[in-house]
Amino acid sequence: MMEGLNAPPSSTTENSLLTPEQIKRIELNRLKAKARQRQREREAGPSSAPNANQKRPLEVIPAVSTSPTAPKPLRRDSRLGKYFDYDLSKMVNSKGGFLVEDGKEVDEDSRVKERERERQRAKQNLEPPMYLDPSLNPKCRECQSIDIDYTYKKIFGCLVCNKCKDEHPEKYGLLTKTECKEDYLLTDPELRDRELLPHLLKANPHKSTFANMMLFLRCQVEDFAWKKWGSPEALDAEWERRTEEKKKKKNKKFEEGLRDLRRRTREGVWQRRKDQEHKHVFGVMENLGDGMGRQVCHECGFTIDVEVF
């Protein structure tokens, strides 16, 4: 009974005590207060405005924000040195693995030559079609297999399959131009003549802009070398003779350099001794009487007696 007497009056009771004019004014004040609150939230920033779930959205505070909770800008570490800015819009791909600016791109002539070398390599790698009739297909000279290497057939005119090519490297291995010149004593004009020695073109492993690498079939190189020098023994004799000549020239050049070094060393030692040789500087002669005089060197104190005429 006491709880019922002490309970606050309900809103319906309060509204019944107010006039309609007072109720209208209270509602207008409430709406104005909510409008001012929303205006303050918009001015404080977008991060403070609630989302659809009546939650404050999680947004990154910009570095230029004046909010007291905004993070301070990071200081640059002086140990990192200087920064280099590059304009990526001016960068081009030079196929060299690096990004270079417009003034440092690869020469256009080099690109044209590289495309021409790629075209030559692609032309020699074309494979002809295979016939349904097995008798019409070329066969390997070693095992009579039809799975031949068409690159060897087109470039070298050699019918050999990939298996036999790997099993007999002493016949079907490839030699570089340097190996042909050093081991078989062949010349550049002979190696460049496709009728004498056909060669396979490969991309240069040292640099793509270099000339294509020339590869020769070992059995063809050996046959041509035997015809040129007469026999393998004659080739070995010629190789030993040239090796001996190279050794003699090398020893002669070494001896000449050694003689020149000794000559320059002797001249240098003689000049140093000549420069270190002491020259006496005598002063005024002191008269000792009886037609004799004495002179003393100012630098070393050497004394000589002279006759006075």
C-alpha atoms as a PDB file:
ATOM      1  CA  MET A   1       0.000   0.000   0.000  1.00  0.00           C
ATOM      2  CA  MET A   2       2.937   2.285   0.876  1.00  0.00           C
ATOM      3  CA  GLU A   3       4.747   1.368  -2.365  1.00  0.00           C
ATOM      4  CA  GLY A   4       1.764   2.457  -4.361  1.00  0.00           C
ATOM      5  CA  LEU A   5       1.737   5.831  -2.594  1.00  0.00           C
ATOM      6  CA  ASN A   6       5.503   6.467  -3.109  1.00  0.00           C
ATOM      7  CA  ALA A   7       5.639   5.382  -6.811  1.00  0.00           C
ATOM      8  CA  PRO A   8       6.308   8.245  -9.306  1.00  0.00           C
ATOM      9  CA  PRO A   9       3.329   9.305 -11.356  1.00  0.00           C
ATOM     10  CA  SER A  10       3.131   7.786 -14.827  1.00  0.00           C
ATOM     11  CA  SER A  11       3.703   9.750 -18.058  1.00  0.00           C
ATOM     12  CA  THR A  12      -0.002   9.600 -18.842  1.00  0.00           C
ATOM     13  CA  THR A  13      -0.687  11.302 -15.556  1.00  0.00           C
ATOM     14  CA  GLU A  14       1.897  14.032 -16.303  1.00  0.00           C
ATOM     15  CA  ASN A  15       0.574  14.573 -19.827  1.00  0.00           C
ATOM     16  CA  SER A  16      -2.913  14.879 -18.422  1.00  0.00           C
ATOM     17  CA  LEU A  17      -1.721  17.743 -16.179  1.00  0.00           C
ATOM     18  CA  LEU A  18      -0.131  19.663 -19.178  1.00  0.00           C
ATOM     19  CA  THR A  19      -1.991  21.704 -21.670  1.00  0.00           C
ATOM     20  CA  PRO A  20      -1.777  20.844 -25.385  1.00  0.00           C
ATOM     21  CA  GLU A  21       0.288  23.990 -25.965  1.00  0.00           C
ATOM     22  CA  GLN A  22       2.910  22.888 -23.402  1.00  0.00           C
ATOM     23  CA  ILE A  23       3.098  19.386 -24.858  1.00  0.00           C
ATOM     24  CA  LYS A  24       3.679  20.824 -28.342  1.00  0.00           C
ATOM     25  CA  ARG A  25       6.466  23.106 -27.074  1.00  0.00           C
ATOM     26  CA  ILE A  26       8.187  20.195 -25.267  1.00  0.00           C
ATOM     27  CA  GLU A  27       8.118  18.063 -28.429  1.00  0.00           C
ATOM     28  CA  LEU A  28       9.562  20.896 -30.537  1.00  0.00           C
ATOM     29  CA  ASN A  29      12.402  21.446 -28.034  1.00  0.00           C
ATOM     30  CA  ARG A  30      13.193  17.721 -28.081  1.00  0.00           C
ATOM     31  CA  LEU A  31      13.408  17.660 -31.888  1.00  0.00           C
ATOM     32  CA  LYS A  32      15.620  20.770 -31.932  1.00  0.00           C
ATOM     33  CA  ALA A  33      17.977  19.202 -29.356  1.00  0.00           C
ATOM     34  CA  LYS A  34      18.320  16.031 -31.449  1.00  0.00           C
ATOM     35  CA  ALA A  35      18.993  18.111 -34.596  1.00  0.00           C
ATOM     36  CA  ARG A  36      21.758  20.068 -32.810  1.00  0.00           C
ATOM     37  CA  GLN A  37      23.290  16.793 -31.563  1.00  0.00           C
ATOM     38  CA  ARG A  38      23.397  15.341 -35.099  1.00  0.00           C
ATOM     39  CA  GLN A  39      24.948  18.572 -36.404  1.00  0.00           C
ATOM     40  CA  ARG A  40      27.730  18.379 -33.787  1.00  0.00           C
ATOM     41  CA  GLU A  41      28.406  14.724 -34.716  1.00  0.00           C
ATOM     42  CA  ARG A  42      28.705  15.613 -38.417  1.00  0.00           C
ATOM     43  CA  GLU A  43      31.104  18.457 -37.656  1.00  0.00           C
ATOM     44  CA  ALA A  44      33.256  16.195 -35.443  1.00  0.00           C
ATOM     45  CA  GLY A  45      34.004  13.890 -38.441  1.00  0.00           C
ATOM     46  CA  PRO A  46      32.607  10.970 -40.395  1.00  0.00           C
ATOM     47  CA  SER A  47      34.097   8.423 -38.021  1.00  0.00           C
ATOM     48  CA  SER A  48      31.860   9.620 -35.175  1.00  0.00           C
ATOM     49  CA  ALA A  49      28.576   9.153 -37.092  1.00  0.00           C
ATOM     50  CA  PRO A  50      26.805   5.857 -36.286  1.00  0.00           C
ATOM     51  CA  ASN A  51      26.147   3.364 -39.023  1.00  0.00           C
ATOM     52  CA  ALA A  52      22.969   1.403 -39.789  1.00  0.00           C
ATOM     53  CA  ASN A  53      23.560  -0.805 -36.736  1.00  0.00           C
ATOM     54  CA  GLN A  54      23.874   2.279 -34.506  1.00  0.00           C
ATOM     55  CA  LYS A  55      27.607   1.506 -34.109  1.00  0.00           C
ATOM     56  CA  ARG A  56      30.556   3.790 -34.663  1.00  0.00           C
ATOM     57  CA  PRO A  57      32.284   2.704 -37.909  1.00  0.00           C
ATOM     58  CA  LEU A  58      35.925   1.646 -37.869  1.00  0.00           C
ATOM     59  CA  GLU A  59      37.791   4.043 -40.149  1.00  0.00           C
ATOM     60  CA  VAL A  60      41.425   5.034 -40.464  1.00  0.00           C
ATOM     61  CA  ILE A  61      42.119   8.469 -39.064  1.00  0.00           C
ATOM     62  CA  PRO A  62      44.090  10.491 -41.664  1.00  0.00           C
ATOM     63  CA  ALA A  63      47.492  11.864 -40.719  1.00  0.00           C
ATOM     64  CA  VAL A  64      46.344  15.437 -41.388  1.00  0.00           C
ATOM     65  CA  SER A  65      43.375  15.058 -39.030  1.00  0.00           C
ATOM     66  CA  THR A  66      43.088  17.539 -36.141  1.00  0.00           C
ATOM     67  CA  SER A  67      41.527  14.913 -33.891  1.00  0.00           C
ATOM     68  CA  PRO A  68      43.360  14.495 -30.564  1.00  0.00           C
ATOM     69  CA  THR A  69      43.361  10.711 -31.148  1.00  0.00           C
ATOM     70  CA  ALA A  70      45.037  11.000 -34.586  1.00  0.00           C
ATOM     71  CA  PRO A  71      48.505   9.326 -34.747  1.00  0.00           C
ATOM     72  CA  LYS A  72      51.555  11.503 -35.078  1.00  0.00           C
ATOM     73  CA  PRO A  73      53.504  11.257 -38.387  1.00  0.00           C
ATOM     74  CA  LEU A  74      56.509   8.918 -38.324  1.00  0.00           C
ATOM     75  CA  ARG A  75      59.913  10.564 -38.397  1.00  0.00           C
ATOM     76  CA  ARG A  76      62.218   9.571 -41.235  1.00  0.00           C
ATOM     77  CA  ASP A  77      65.266   7.559 -40.160  1.00  0.00           C
ATOM     78  CA  SER A  78      68.414   9.441 -41.194  1.00  0.00           C
ATOM     79  CA  ARG A  79      70.362   6.156 -41.451  1.00  0.00           C
ATOM     80  CA  LEU A  80      68.396   5.182 -44.561  1.00  0.00           C
ATOM     81  CA  GLY A  81      70.173   7.817 -46.603  1.00  0.00           C
ATOM     82  CA  LYS A  82      68.610   9.663 -49.504  1.00  0.00           C
ATOM     83  CA  TYR A  83      65.537   8.545 -51.411  1.00  0.00           C
ATOM     84  CA  PHE A  84      65.457   8.397 -55.219  1.00  0.00           C
ATOM     85  CA  ASP A  85      62.109   9.094 -56.860  1.00  0.00           C
ATOM     86  CA  TYR A  86      61.375   7.525 -60.251  1.00  0.00           C
ATOM     87  CA  ASP A  87      58.538   8.345 -62.600  1.00  0.00           C
ATOM     88  CA  LEU A  88      57.065   4.904 -63.317  1.00  0.00           C
ATOM     89  CA  SER A  89      55.031   6.289 -66.225  1.00  0.00           C
ATOM     90  CA  LYS A  90      58.295   6.912 -68.106  1.00  0.00           C
ATOM     91  CA  MET A  91      59.741   3.465 -67.454  1.00  0.00           C
ATOM     92  CA  VAL A  92      59.983   0.919 -70.298  1.00  0.00           C
ATOM     93  CA  ASN A  93      60.765  -2.790 -70.391  1.00  0.00           C
ATOM     94  CA  SER A  94      64.135  -3.203 -72.091  1.00  0.00           C
ATOM     95  CA  LYS A  95      64.170  -7.018 -71.574  1.00  0.00           C
ATOM     96  CA  GLY A  96      67.316  -6.654 -69.529  1.00  0.00           C
ATOM     97  CA  GLY A  97      65.817  -7.270 -66.119  1.00  0.00           C
ATOM     98  CA  PHE A  98      66.044  -3.605 -65.129  1.00  0.00           C
ATOM     99  CA  LEU A  99      63.818  -0.542 -65.223  1.00  0.00           C
ATOM    100  CA  VAL A 100      65.418   2.294 -67.112  1.00  0.00           C
ATOM    101  CA  GLU A 101      64.257   5.798 -68.003  1.00  0.00           C
ATOM    102  CA  ASP A 102      63.525   7.085 -71.488  1.00  0.00           C
ATOM    103  CA  GLY A 103      67.042   8.353 -72.074  1.00  0.00           C
ATOM    104  CA  LYS A 104      68.608   5.006 -71.178  1.00  0.00           C
ATOM    105  CA  GLU A 105      66.559   2.453 -73.148  1.00  0.00           C
ATOM    106  CA  VAL A 106      68.179  -0.155 -75.348  1.00  0.00           C
ATOM    107  CA  ASP A 107      69.145   1.024 -78.818  1.00  0.00           C
ATOM    108  CA  GLU A 108      66.488   0.378 -81.479  1.00  0.00           C
ATOM    109  CA  ASP A 109      69.070  -1.186 -83.798  1.00  0.00           C
ATOM    110  CA  SER A 110      69.890  -3.777 -81.125  1.00  0.00           C
ATOM    111  CA  ARG A 111      66.211  -4.642 -80.793  1.00  0.00           C
ATOM    112  CA  VAL A 112      65.839  -5.057 -84.557  1.00  0.00           C
ATOM    113  CA  LYS A 113      68.886  -7.356 -84.667  1.00  0.00           C
ATOM    114  CA  GLU A 114      67.568  -9.403 -81.752  1.00  0.00           C
ATOM    115  CA  ARG A 115      64.163  -9.846 -83.432  1.00  0.00           C
ATOM    116  CA  GLU A 116      65.914 -10.931 -86.642  1.00  0.00           C
ATOM    117  CA  ARG A 117      67.942 -13.545 -84.735  1.00  0.00           C
ATOM    118  CA  GLU A 118      64.769 -14.836 -83.066  1.00  0.00           C
ATOM    119  CA  ARG A 119      63.110 -15.128 -86.490  1.00  0.00           C
ATOM    120  CA  GLN A 120      66.068 -17.122 -87.838  1.00  0.00           C
ATOM    121  CA  ARG A 121      65.979 -19.503 -84.875  1.00  0.00           C
ATOM    122  CA  ALA A 122      62.194 -19.967 -85.194  1.00  0.00           C
ATOM    123  CA  LYS A 123      62.463 -20.738 -88.921  1.00  0.00           C
ATOM    124  CA  GLN A 124      64.946 -23.586 -88.398  1.00  0.00           C
ATOM    125  CA  ASN A 125      62.792 -25.193 -85.646  1.00  0.00           C
ATOM    126  CA  LEU A 126      59.754 -25.846 -87.871  1.00  0.00           C
ATOM    127  CA  GLU A 127      58.879 -29.541 -88.064  1.00  0.00           C
ATOM    128  CA  PRO A 128      57.370 -31.156 -91.191  1.00  0.00           C
ATOM    129  CA  PRO A 129      54.159 -33.235 -90.929  1.00  0.00           C
ATOM    130  CA  MET A 130      54.277 -36.995 -90.318  1.00  0.00           C
ATOM    131  CA  TYR A 131      52.815 -39.438 -92.881  1.00  0.00           C
ATOM    132  CA  LEU A 132      50.301 -42.141 -91.997  1.00  0.00           C
ATOM    133  CA  ASP A 133      52.249 -44.635 -94.115  1.00  0.00           C
ATOM    134  CA  PRO A 134      55.304 -45.699 -92.044  1.00  0.00           C
ATOM    135  CA  SER A 135      57.328 -46.405 -95.185  1.00  0.00           C
ATOM    136  CA  LEU A 136      57.171 -42.735 -96.188  1.00  0.00           C
ATOM    137  CA  ASN A 137      58.537 -41.419 -92.885  1.00  0.00           C
ATOM    138  CA  PRO A 138      62.322 -41.033 -92.475  1.00  0.00           C
ATOM    139  CA  LYS A 139      64.000 -43.483 -90.085  1.00  0.00           C
ATOM    140  CA  CYS A 140      66.919 -43.238 -87.712  1.00  0.00           C
ATOM    141  CA  ARG A 141      70.196 -44.504 -89.173  1.00  0.00           C
ATOM    142  CA  GLU A 142      71.058 -46.246 -85.904  1.00  0.00           C
ATOM    143  CA  CYS A 143      67.844 -47.910 -84.689  1.00  0.00           C
ATOM    144  CA  GLN A 144      65.401 -47.388 -87.623  1.00  0.00           C
ATOM    145  CA  SER A 145      62.989 -45.446 -85.408  1.00  0.00           C
ATOM    146  CA  ILE A 146      60.647 -42.895 -86.989  1.00  0.00           C
ATOM    147  CA  ASP A 147      60.934 -40.573 -83.975  1.00  0.00           C
ATOM    148  CA  ILE A 148      63.819 -38.617 -85.475  1.00  0.00           C
ATOM    149  CA  ASP A 149      65.062 -35.171 -84.535  1.00  0.00           C
ATOM    150  CA  TYR A 150      63.761 -32.933 -87.330  1.00  0.00           C
ATOM    151  CA  THR A 151      66.115 -30.124 -86.372  1.00  0.00           C
ATOM    152  CA  TYR A 152      69.105 -32.394 -87.100  1.00  0.00           C
ATOM    153  CA  LYS A 153      67.442 -33.516 -90.330  1.00  0.00           C
ATOM    154  CA  LYS A 154      66.741 -29.996 -91.576  1.00  0.00           C
ATOM    155  CA  ILE A 155      70.002 -28.320 -90.498  1.00  0.00           C
ATOM    156  CA  PHE A 156      72.585 -31.116 -90.769  1.00  0.00           C
ATOM    157  CA  GLY A 157      70.769 -33.585 -93.041  1.00  0.00           C
ATOM    158  CA  CYS A 158      71.350 -36.244 -90.373  1.00  0.00           C
ATOM    159  CA  LEU A 159      68.628 -38.829 -89.644  1.00  0.00           C
ATOM    160  CA  VAL A 160      68.957 -39.703 -85.962  1.00  0.00           C
ATOM    161  CA  CYS A 161      66.460 -40.039 -83.129  1.00  0.00           C
ATOM    162  CA  ASN A 162      66.737 -38.331 -79.762  1.00  0.00           C
ATOM    163  CA  LYS A 163      67.614 -41.588 -77.991  1.00  0.00           C
ATOM    164  CA  CYS A 164      70.528 -42.435 -80.292  1.00  0.00           C
ATOM    165  CA  LYS A 165      71.680 -38.818 -80.226  1.00  0.00           C
ATOM    166  CA  ASP A 166      72.043 -39.031 -76.439  1.00  0.00           C
ATOM    167  CA  GLU A 167      73.603 -42.518 -76.522  1.00  0.00           C
ATOM    168  CA  HIS A 168      76.305 -41.575 -79.084  1.00  0.00           C
ATOM    169  CA  PRO A 169      77.627 -38.101 -78.136  1.00  0.00           C
ATOM    170  CA  GLU A 170      80.962 -38.905 -79.793  1.00  0.00           C
ATOM    171  CA  LYS A 171      79.162 -38.839 -83.163  1.00  0.00           C
ATOM    172  CA  TYR A 172      76.114 -36.613 -82.759  1.00  0.00           C
ATOM    173  CA  GLY A 173      77.291 -34.141 -80.159  1.00  0.00           C
ATOM    174  CA  LEU A 174      77.376 -30.414 -80.914  1.00  0.00           C
ATOM    175  CA  LEU A 175      80.557 -28.333 -80.989  1.00  0.00           C
ATOM    176  CA  THR A 176      80.884 -24.582 -80.670  1.00  0.00           C
ATOM    177  CA  LYS A 177      82.856 -22.511 -83.146  1.00  0.00           C
ATOM    178  CA  THR A 178      85.632 -21.968 -80.601  1.00  0.00           C
ATOM    179  CA  GLU A 179      86.022 -25.720 -80.080  1.00  0.00           C
ATOM    180  CA  CYS A 180      86.210 -26.314 -83.834  1.00  0.00           C
ATOM    181  CA  LYS A 181      88.931 -23.686 -84.210  1.00  0.00           C
ATOM    182  CA  GLU A 182      91.011 -24.829 -81.241  1.00  0.00           C
ATOM    183  CA  ASP A 183      90.624 -28.636 -81.434  1.00  0.00           C
ATOM    184  CA  TYR A 184      90.291 -29.205 -85.194  1.00  0.00           C
ATOM    185  CA  LEU A 185      92.265 -26.145 -86.435  1.00  0.00           C
ATOM    186  CA  LEU A 186      89.489 -24.870 -88.711  1.00  0.00           C
ATOM    187  CA  THR A 187      89.246 -21.255 -89.878  1.00  0.00           C
ATOM    188  CA  ASP A 188      86.403 -18.739 -89.741  1.00  0.00           C
ATOM    189  CA  PRO A 189      85.696 -18.790 -93.520  1.00  0.00           C
ATOM    190  CA  GLU A 190      85.388 -22.592 -93.426  1.00  0.00           C
ATOM    191  CA  LEU A 191      83.018 -22.500 -90.445  1.00  0.00           C
ATOM    192  CA  ARG A 192      80.824 -19.784 -91.978  1.00  0.00           C
ATOM    193  CA  ASP A 193      80.358 -21.718 -95.231  1.00  0.00           C
ATOM    194  CA  ARG A 194      77.041 -23.601 -94.857  1.00  0.00           C
ATOM    195  CA  GLU A 195      77.808 -25.845 -97.823  1.00  0.00           C
ATOM    196  CA  LEU A 196      80.970 -27.120 -96.152  1.00  0.00           C
ATOM    197  CA  LEU A 197      79.772 -27.206 -92.561  1.00  0.00           C
ATOM    198  CA  PRO A 198      76.084 -26.525 -91.778  1.00  0.00           C
ATOM    199  CA  HIS A 199      75.521 -25.054 -88.339  1.00  0.00           C
ATOM    200  CA  LEU A 200      72.660 -24.676 -85.869  1.00  0.00           C
ATOM    201  CA  LEU A 201      71.871 -21.229 -84.433  1.00  0.00           C
ATOM    202  CA  LYS A 202      71.191 -20.868 -80.712  1.00  0.00           C
ATOM    203  CA  ALA A 203      70.687 -17.807 -78.540  1.00  0.00           C
ATOM    204  CA  ASN A 204      73.930 -16.565 -77.020  1.00  0.00           C
ATOM    205  CA  PRO A 205      73.978 -17.633 -73.338  1.00  0.00           C
ATOM    206  CA  HIS A 206      76.153 -14.682 -72.312  1.00  0.00           C
ATOM    207  CA  LYS A 207      73.867 -11.888 -73.564  1.00  0.00           C
ATOM    208  CA  SER A 208      70.759 -11.796 -75.724  1.00  0.00           C
ATOM    209  CA  THR A 209      72.038  -8.868 -77.789  1.00  0.00           C
ATOM    210  CA  PHE A 210      75.181 -10.789 -78.842  1.00  0.00           C
ATOM    211  CA  ALA A 211      75.330 -12.719 -82.100  1.00  0.00           C
ATOM    212  CA  ASN A 212      73.747 -16.168 -82.234  1.00  0.00           C
ATOM    213  CA  MET A 213      75.876 -19.091 -81.132  1.00  0.00           C
ATOM    214  CA  MET A 214      76.907 -21.432 -83.978  1.00  0.00           C
ATOM    215  CA  LEU A 215      76.811 -25.176 -83.197  1.00  0.00           C
ATOM    216  CA  PHE A 216      78.307 -27.861 -85.484  1.00  0.00           C
ATOM    217  CA  LEU A 217      77.743 -31.620 -85.663  1.00  0.00           C
ATOM    218  CA  ARG A 218      80.790 -33.472 -84.358  1.00  0.00           C
ATOM    219  CA  CYS A 219      80.869 -36.226 -86.991  1.00  0.00           C
ATOM    220  CA  GLN A 220      80.677 -33.689 -89.840  1.00  0.00           C
ATOM    221  CA  VAL A 221      83.426 -31.550 -88.302  1.00  0.00           C
ATOM    222  CA  GLU A 222      85.689 -34.586 -87.883  1.00  0.00           C
ATOM    223  CA  ASP A 223      85.088 -35.768 -91.466  1.00  0.00           C
ATOM    224  CA  PHE A 224      85.965 -32.330 -92.828  1.00  0.00           C
ATOM    225  CA  ALA A 225      89.038 -32.070 -90.571  1.00  0.00           C
ATOM    226  CA  TRP A 226      90.312 -35.530 -91.693  1.00  0.00           C
ATOM    227  CA  LYS A 227      89.961 -34.459 -95.338  1.00  0.00           C
ATOM    228  CA  LYS A 228      91.734 -31.166 -94.690  1.00  0.00           C
ATOM    229  CA  TRP A 229      94.713 -32.528 -92.725  1.00  0.00           C
ATOM    230  CA  GLY A 230      94.854 -36.008 -94.269  1.00  0.00           C
ATOM    231  CA  SER A 231      94.337 -38.140 -91.182  1.00  0.00           C
ATOM    232  CA  PRO A 232      93.774 -37.866 -87.418  1.00  0.00           C
ATOM    233  CA  GLU A 233      97.503 -38.429 -86.852  1.00  0.00           C
ATOM    234  CA  ALA A 234      98.384 -35.537 -89.166  1.00  0.00           C
ATOM    235  CA  LEU A 235      95.929 -33.329 -87.287  1.00  0.00           C
ATOM    236  CA  ASP A 236      97.518 -34.292 -83.964  1.00  0.00           C
ATOM    237  CA  ALA A 237     100.981 -33.533 -85.351  1.00  0.00           C
ATOM    238  CA  GLU A 238      99.854 -30.123 -86.623  1.00  0.00           C
ATOM    239  CA  TRP A 239      98.192 -29.372 -83.282  1.00  0.00           C
ATOM    240  CA  GLU A 240     101.383 -30.289 -81.385  1.00  0.00           C
ATOM    241  CA  ARG A 241     103.469 -28.145 -83.745  1.00  0.00           C
ATOM    242  CA  ARG A 242     101.243 -25.126 -83.242  1.00  0.00           C
ATOM    243  CA  THR A 243     101.182 -25.691 -79.502  1.00  0.00           C
ATOM    244  CA  GLU A 244     104.980 -25.817 -79.448  1.00  0.00           C
ATOM    245  CA  GLU A 245     105.172 -22.602 -81.478  1.00  0.00           C
ATOM    246  CA  LYS A 246     102.789 -20.860 -79.100  1.00  0.00           C
ATOM    247  CA  LYS A 247     104.906 -22.033 -76.176  1.00  0.00           C
ATOM    248  CA  LYS A 248     108.094 -20.765 -77.821  1.00  0.00           C
ATOM    249  CA  LYS A 249     106.523 -17.389 -78.584  1.00  0.00           C
ATOM    250  CA  LYS A 250     105.284 -17.142 -75.040  1.00  0.00           C
ATOM    251  CA  ASN A 251     108.718 -17.996 -73.609  1.00  0.00           C
ATOM    252  CA  LYS A 252     110.391 -15.546 -75.995  1.00  0.00           C
ATOM    253  CA  LYS A 253     108.023 -12.779 -74.973  1.00  0.00           C
ATOM    254  CA  PHE A 254     108.639 -13.595 -71.308  1.00  0.00           C
ATOM    255  CA  GLU A 255     112.408 -13.500 -71.776  1.00  0.00           C
ATOM    256  CA  GLU A 256     112.221 -10.184 -73.613  1.00  0.00           C
ATOM    257  CA  GLY A 257     110.147  -8.736 -70.814  1.00  0.00           C
ATOM    258  CA  LEU A 258     112.580 -10.092 -68.244  1.00  0.00           C
ATOM    259  CA  ARG A 259     115.565  -8.552 -70.085  1.00  0.00           C
ATOM    260  CA  ASP A 260     113.784  -5.228 -70.299  1.00  0.00           C
ATOM    261  CA  LEU A 261     112.995  -5.398 -66.580  1.00  0.00           C
ATOM    262  CA  ARG A 262     116.638  -6.141 -65.748  1.00  0.00           C
ATOM    263  CA  ARG A 263     117.817  -3.298 -67.967  1.00  0.00           C
ATOM    264  CA  ARG A 264     115.451  -0.835 -66.340  1.00  0.00           C
ATOM    265  CA  THR A 265     116.454  -2.145 -62.907  1.00  0.00           C
ATOM    266  CA  ARG A 266     120.178  -1.675 -63.648  1.00  0.00           C
ATOM    267  CA  GLU A 267     119.568   1.816 -64.950  1.00  0.00           C
ATOM    268  CA  GLY A 268     117.542   2.655 -61.908  1.00  0.00           C
ATOM    269  CA  VAL A 269     120.184   1.326 -59.476  1.00  0.00           C
ATOM    270  CA  TRP A 270     122.976   3.170 -61.337  1.00  0.00           C
ATOM    271  CA  GLN A 271     120.963   6.387 -61.291  1.00  0.00           C
ATOM    272  CA  ARG A 272     120.230   6.051 -57.575  1.00  0.00           C
ATOM    273  CA  ARG A 273     123.917   5.448 -56.863  1.00  0.00           C
ATOM    274  CA  LYS A 274     124.823   8.403 -59.035  1.00  0.00           C
ATOM    275  CA  ASP A 275     122.377  10.586 -57.178  1.00  0.00           C
ATOM    276  CA  GLN A 276     123.656   9.376 -53.801  1.00  0.00           C
ATOM    277  CA  GLU A 277     127.326   9.945 -54.758  1.00  0.00           C
ATOM    278  CA  HIS A 278     128.836  12.759 -52.647  1.00  0.00           C
ATOM    279  CA  LYS A 279     130.517  15.711 -54.315  1.00  0.00           C
ATOM    280  CA  HIS A 280     132.968  17.683 -52.204  1.00  0.00           C
ATOM    281  CA  VAL A 281     132.474  21.395 -51.891  1.00  0.00           C
ATOM    282  CA  PHE A 282     135.763  22.962 -50.766  1.00  0.00           C
ATOM    283  CA  GLY A 283     136.033  26.343 -49.178  1.00  0.00           C
ATOM    284  CA  VAL A 284     138.724  29.014 -49.354  1.00  0.00           C
ATOM    285  CA  MET A 285     142.256  27.645 -49.369  1.00  0.00           C
ATOM    286  CA  GLU A 286     144.193  28.167 -46.123  1.00  0.00           C
ATOM    287  CA  ASN A 287     147.842  29.103 -46.689  1.00  0.00           C
ATOM    288  CA  LEU A 288     150.209  26.966 -44.599  1.00  0.00           C
ATOM    289  CA  GLY A 289     153.472  28.517 -45.845  1.00  0.00           C
ATOM    290  CA  ASP A 290     156.362  27.021 -47.777  1.00  0.00           C
ATOM    291  CA  GLY A 291     154.148  26.987 -50.863  1.00  0.00           C
ATOM    292  CA  MET A 292     151.524  24.656 -49.333  1.00  0.00           C
ATOM    293  CA  GLY A 293     147.823  25.226 -48.745  1.00  0.00           C
ATOM    294  CA  ARG A 294     144.848  23.368 -47.281  1.00  0.00           C
ATOM    295  CA  GLN A 295     141.184  23.105 -48.292  1.00  0.00           C
ATOM    296  CA  VAL A 296     138.327  21.653 -46.251  1.00  0.00           C
ATOM    297  CA  CYS A 297     134.950  20.305 -47.579  1.00  0.00           C
ATOM    298  CA  HIS A 298     132.037  22.146 -46.006  1.00  0.00           C
ATOM    299  CA  GLU A 299     129.727  19.092 -45.988  1.00  0.00           C
ATOM    300  CA  CYS A 300     131.872  16.135 -44.885  1.00  0.00           C
ATOM    301  CA  GLY A 301     135.028  17.828 -43.478  1.00  0.00           C
ATOM    302  CA  PHE A 302     137.379  16.117 -45.939  1.00  0.00           C
ATOM    303  CA  THR A 303     140.758  17.883 -46.036  1.00  0.00           C
ATOM    304  CA  ILE A 304     143.320  18.066 -48.842  1.00  0.00           C
ATOM    305  CA  ASP A 305     146.718  19.710 -49.112  1.00  0.00           C
ATOM    306  CA  VAL A 306     147.527  21.577 -52.281  1.00  0.00           C
ATOM    307  CA  GLU A 307     150.586  23.371 -53.646  1.00  0.00           C
ATOM    308  CA  VAL A 308     150.463  27.101 -54.017  1.00  0.00           C
ATOM    309  CA  PHE A 309     152.158  28.450 -57.108  1.00  0.00           C
END
